[in-house]
Amino acid sequence: MKTLLFGMLALLSLGAQAKKEIEGDHFILQGKIYEIDVFKDGAVEASNVNVIVYQDQEIYVSFFGKENGSYEFVLPVGHEYEVWFGGKAYVNKKVYVDARKMPQRKIGYECNIDMGLFKPIENAEFPLLVDHYVKVRWDSEYRELTPDVEYTEFKARELEKALKKIKKTHSGY
């Protein structure tokens, strides 16, 4: 169950200052993507996962993560982003990043999001994943991108409940 929770939660470590040199009017969106086996409670690095980034509700870029599950992309501050992880191979999870109030500075920011995904399950729907799984906003007090931890924990609990129910009905896996 611990591994399942790890995989279902998007692990966030948000840094105020980017470790790589990028211009102050941008931020790095980066992390690792893991494939979760919901029936065996295991996780491995997911290779070549489709990631789609929408900027202000229009497609901005689509790319594939690396063989080791890592991904990285530089985005301009001052916009809203919706990032879709998974493509056709996985049940998609969406992350909302509100970077509209991020100020420019000498060195850019970074946003690290590790994401656990799982393959579609026959005759199983996940309506709770239609909405964002994680929400991240600029916090002017702390001067960094900050996740809504309460919201993400709620979504993780709801997903865990749905998966427990599916495990009971799909005992043949």
Protein backbone atom coordinates (compact mmCIF):
# COMPACT_ATOMS: atom_id res chain seq x y z
CA MET A 1 0.00 0.00 0.00
CA LYS A 2 2.91 2.35 0.69
CA THR A 3 4.19 1.87 -2.86
CA LEU A 4 0.71 2.48 -4.24
CA LEU A 5 0.40 5.73 -2.31
CA PHE A 6 3.85 6.76 -3.57
CA GLY A 7 2.75 6.15 -7.12
CA MET A 8 -0.57 7.87 -6.82
CA LEU A 9 0.78 11.03 -5.25
CA ALA A 10 2.53 13.48 -7.43
CA LEU A 11 5.70 14.14 -5.51
CA LEU A 12 6.52 17.80 -5.44
CA SER A 13 9.74 19.52 -4.59
CA LEU A 14 9.47 23.08 -5.70
CA GLY A 15 12.54 25.24 -5.69
CA ALA A 16 12.62 28.99 -5.62
CA GLN A 17 15.75 29.19 -7.74
CA ALA A 18 16.62 27.05 -10.72
CA LYS A 19 19.79 25.00 -10.42
CA LYS A 20 20.34 25.22 -14.16
CA GLU A 21 20.97 28.57 -15.72
CA ILE A 22 17.82 29.86 -17.31
CA GLU A 23 16.61 33.36 -17.88
CA GLY A 24 14.54 34.97 -15.12
CA ASP A 25 11.43 35.19 -17.26
CA HIS A 26 11.22 31.37 -17.45
CA PHE A 27 10.98 28.35 -15.19
CA ILE A 28 11.97 24.72 -15.58
CA LEU A 29 9.27 22.08 -15.31
CA GLN A 30 11.03 18.80 -14.60
CA GLY A 31 10.76 15.50 -12.81
CA LYS A 32 10.45 11.74 -13.18
CA ILE A 33 7.55 9.66 -14.36
CA TYR A 34 6.95 6.25 -12.83
CA GLU A 35 4.78 3.38 -14.02
CA ILE A 36 2.76 1.89 -11.19
CA ASP A 37 1.50 -1.69 -11.21
CA VAL A 38 -1.73 -1.20 -9.24
CA PHE A 39 -2.21 -4.94 -8.75
CA LYS A 40 1.30 -5.70 -7.51
CA ASP A 41 1.98 -2.36 -5.78
CA GLY A 42 5.25 -1.84 -7.63
CA ALA A 43 6.79 1.11 -9.42
CA VAL A 44 9.41 1.41 -12.16
CA GLU A 45 10.70 4.32 -14.21
CA ALA A 46 8.38 4.85 -17.18
CA SER A 47 10.18 5.38 -20.47
CA ASN A 48 9.05 7.58 -23.34
CA VAL A 49 5.85 8.86 -21.70
CA ASN A 50 3.89 11.49 -23.59
CA VAL A 51 3.71 14.88 -21.87
CA ILE A 52 1.52 17.64 -23.30
CA VAL A 53 1.76 21.22 -22.05
CA TYR A 54 -1.08 23.67 -22.59
CA GLN A 55 -0.37 27.37 -22.11
CA ASP A 56 -3.41 29.58 -21.47
CA GLN A 57 -5.67 26.72 -22.69
CA GLU A 58 -3.87 26.25 -26.02
CA ILE A 59 -1.41 23.51 -26.82
CA TYR A 60 2.12 24.79 -26.26
CA VAL A 61 4.29 21.71 -26.67
CA SER A 62 4.05 17.94 -26.75
CA PHE A 63 7.07 15.76 -26.07
CA PHE A 64 8.13 12.37 -24.73
CA GLY A 65 10.02 11.77 -21.51
CA LYS A 66 13.38 10.04 -21.61
CA GLU A 67 14.13 6.32 -21.31
CA ASN A 68 14.80 6.74 -17.57
CA GLY A 69 11.43 8.43 -16.97
CA SER A 70 12.82 11.93 -16.62
CA TYR A 71 11.42 14.96 -18.41
CA GLU A 72 12.34 18.63 -18.55
CA PHE A 73 10.98 21.66 -20.29
CA VAL A 74 11.51 25.43 -19.95
CA LEU A 75 8.35 27.57 -19.84
CA PRO A 76 7.80 31.34 -19.73
CA VAL A 77 6.41 32.90 -16.53
CA GLY A 78 3.20 34.93 -16.71
CA HIS A 79 0.90 32.16 -17.93
CA GLU A 80 -1.39 29.36 -16.77
CA TYR A 81 -0.33 25.83 -17.66
CA GLU A 82 -2.06 22.50 -17.77
CA VAL A 83 0.30 19.56 -18.10
CA TRP A 84 -1.05 16.18 -19.18
CA PHE A 85 0.99 13.10 -18.33
CA GLY A 86 0.34 9.74 -19.97
CA GLY A 87 -0.84 9.95 -23.57
CA LYS A 88 -2.60 6.86 -24.94
CA ALA A 89 -0.50 4.36 -22.99
CA TYR A 90 -1.62 5.43 -19.48
CA VAL A 91 -4.55 6.78 -17.53
CA ASN A 92 -3.78 10.49 -17.83
CA LYS A 93 -3.16 12.78 -14.91
CA LYS A 94 -3.28 16.56 -15.22
CA VAL A 95 -1.33 19.18 -13.31
CA TYR A 96 -2.35 22.85 -13.15
CA VAL A 97 0.45 25.40 -12.76
CA ASP A 98 -0.51 29.05 -12.29
CA ALA A 99 2.61 31.07 -13.14
CA ARG A 100 0.75 34.29 -14.00
CA LYS A 101 2.00 36.21 -10.95
CA MET A 102 5.57 34.93 -10.99
CA PRO A 103 7.89 37.92 -11.18
CA GLN A 104 10.89 37.98 -13.48
CA ARG A 105 14.35 37.97 -11.91
CA LYS A 106 17.99 37.32 -12.83
CA ILE A 107 17.78 33.53 -12.56
CA GLY A 108 14.69 31.50 -13.39
CA TYR A 109 12.68 29.21 -11.15
CA GLU A 110 12.15 25.48 -11.11
CA CYS A 111 9.13 23.27 -10.57
CA ASN A 112 9.84 19.59 -9.89
CA ILE A 113 6.96 17.17 -10.21
CA ASP A 114 7.41 13.40 -10.10
CA MET A 115 4.33 11.60 -11.39
CA GLY A 116 3.08 8.05 -10.88
CA LEU A 117 0.95 6.68 -13.75
CA PHE A 118 -0.78 3.39 -14.38
CA LYS A 119 -2.03 1.55 -17.46
CA PRO A 120 -5.74 1.58 -18.33
CA ILE A 121 -7.72 -1.16 -16.61
CA GLU A 122 -10.38 -3.06 -18.53
CA ASN A 123 -13.92 -1.82 -17.73
CA ALA A 124 -12.62 0.77 -15.26
CA GLU A 125 -13.22 4.50 -15.47
CA PHE A 126 -11.54 7.23 -13.46
CA PRO A 127 -13.82 10.30 -13.57
CA LEU A 128 -11.92 11.90 -10.68
CA LEU A 129 -8.93 12.29 -13.04
CA VAL A 130 -10.89 14.46 -15.46
CA ASP A 131 -9.98 17.36 -13.16
CA HIS A 132 -6.44 18.33 -12.20
CA TYR A 133 -4.66 15.89 -9.94
CA VAL A 134 -2.25 18.55 -8.66
CA LYS A 135 -2.57 22.33 -8.45
CA VAL A 136 0.47 24.59 -8.13
CA ARG A 137 0.38 28.38 -7.70
CA TRP A 138 2.84 31.22 -7.16
CA ASP A 139 3.07 32.14 -3.47
CA SER A 140 4.24 35.74 -3.17
CA GLU A 141 4.97 35.39 0.56
CA TYR A 142 7.39 32.49 0.07
CA ARG A 143 8.38 33.64 -3.43
CA GLU A 144 8.02 30.19 -4.96
CA LEU A 145 5.62 27.90 -6.74
CA THR A 146 3.62 26.12 -4.03
CA PRO A 147 1.43 23.03 -4.37
CA ASP A 148 -2.04 22.81 -2.90
CA VAL A 149 -1.09 19.84 -0.72
CA GLU A 150 -4.56 19.46 0.79
CA TYR A 151 -6.13 19.21 -2.67
CA THR A 152 -3.55 16.69 -3.92
CA GLU A 153 -3.90 14.53 -0.80
CA PHE A 154 -7.68 14.51 -1.28
CA LYS A 155 -7.30 13.42 -4.92
CA ALA A 156 -4.80 10.71 -3.91
CA ARG A 157 -7.19 9.32 -1.26
CA GLU A 158 -10.07 9.28 -3.76
CA LEU A 159 -7.94 7.52 -6.35
CA GLU A 160 -6.74 5.00 -3.79
CA LYS A 161 -10.39 4.22 -2.89
CA ALA A 162 -11.28 3.76 -6.56
CA LEU A 163 -8.31 1.45 -7.11
CA LYS A 164 -9.17 -0.67 -4.06
CA LYS A 165 -12.66 -1.14 -5.44
CA ILE A 166 -11.27 -2.09 -8.85
CA LYS A 167 -8.85 -4.58 -7.30
CA LYS A 168 -11.77 -6.36 -5.66
CA THR A 169 -13.71 -6.65 -8.93
CA HIS A 170 -10.65 -7.54 -11.03
CA SER A 171 -9.29 -10.35 -8.90
CA GLY A 172 -8.13 -12.22 -12.02
CA TYR A 173 -5.20 -9.85 -12.53
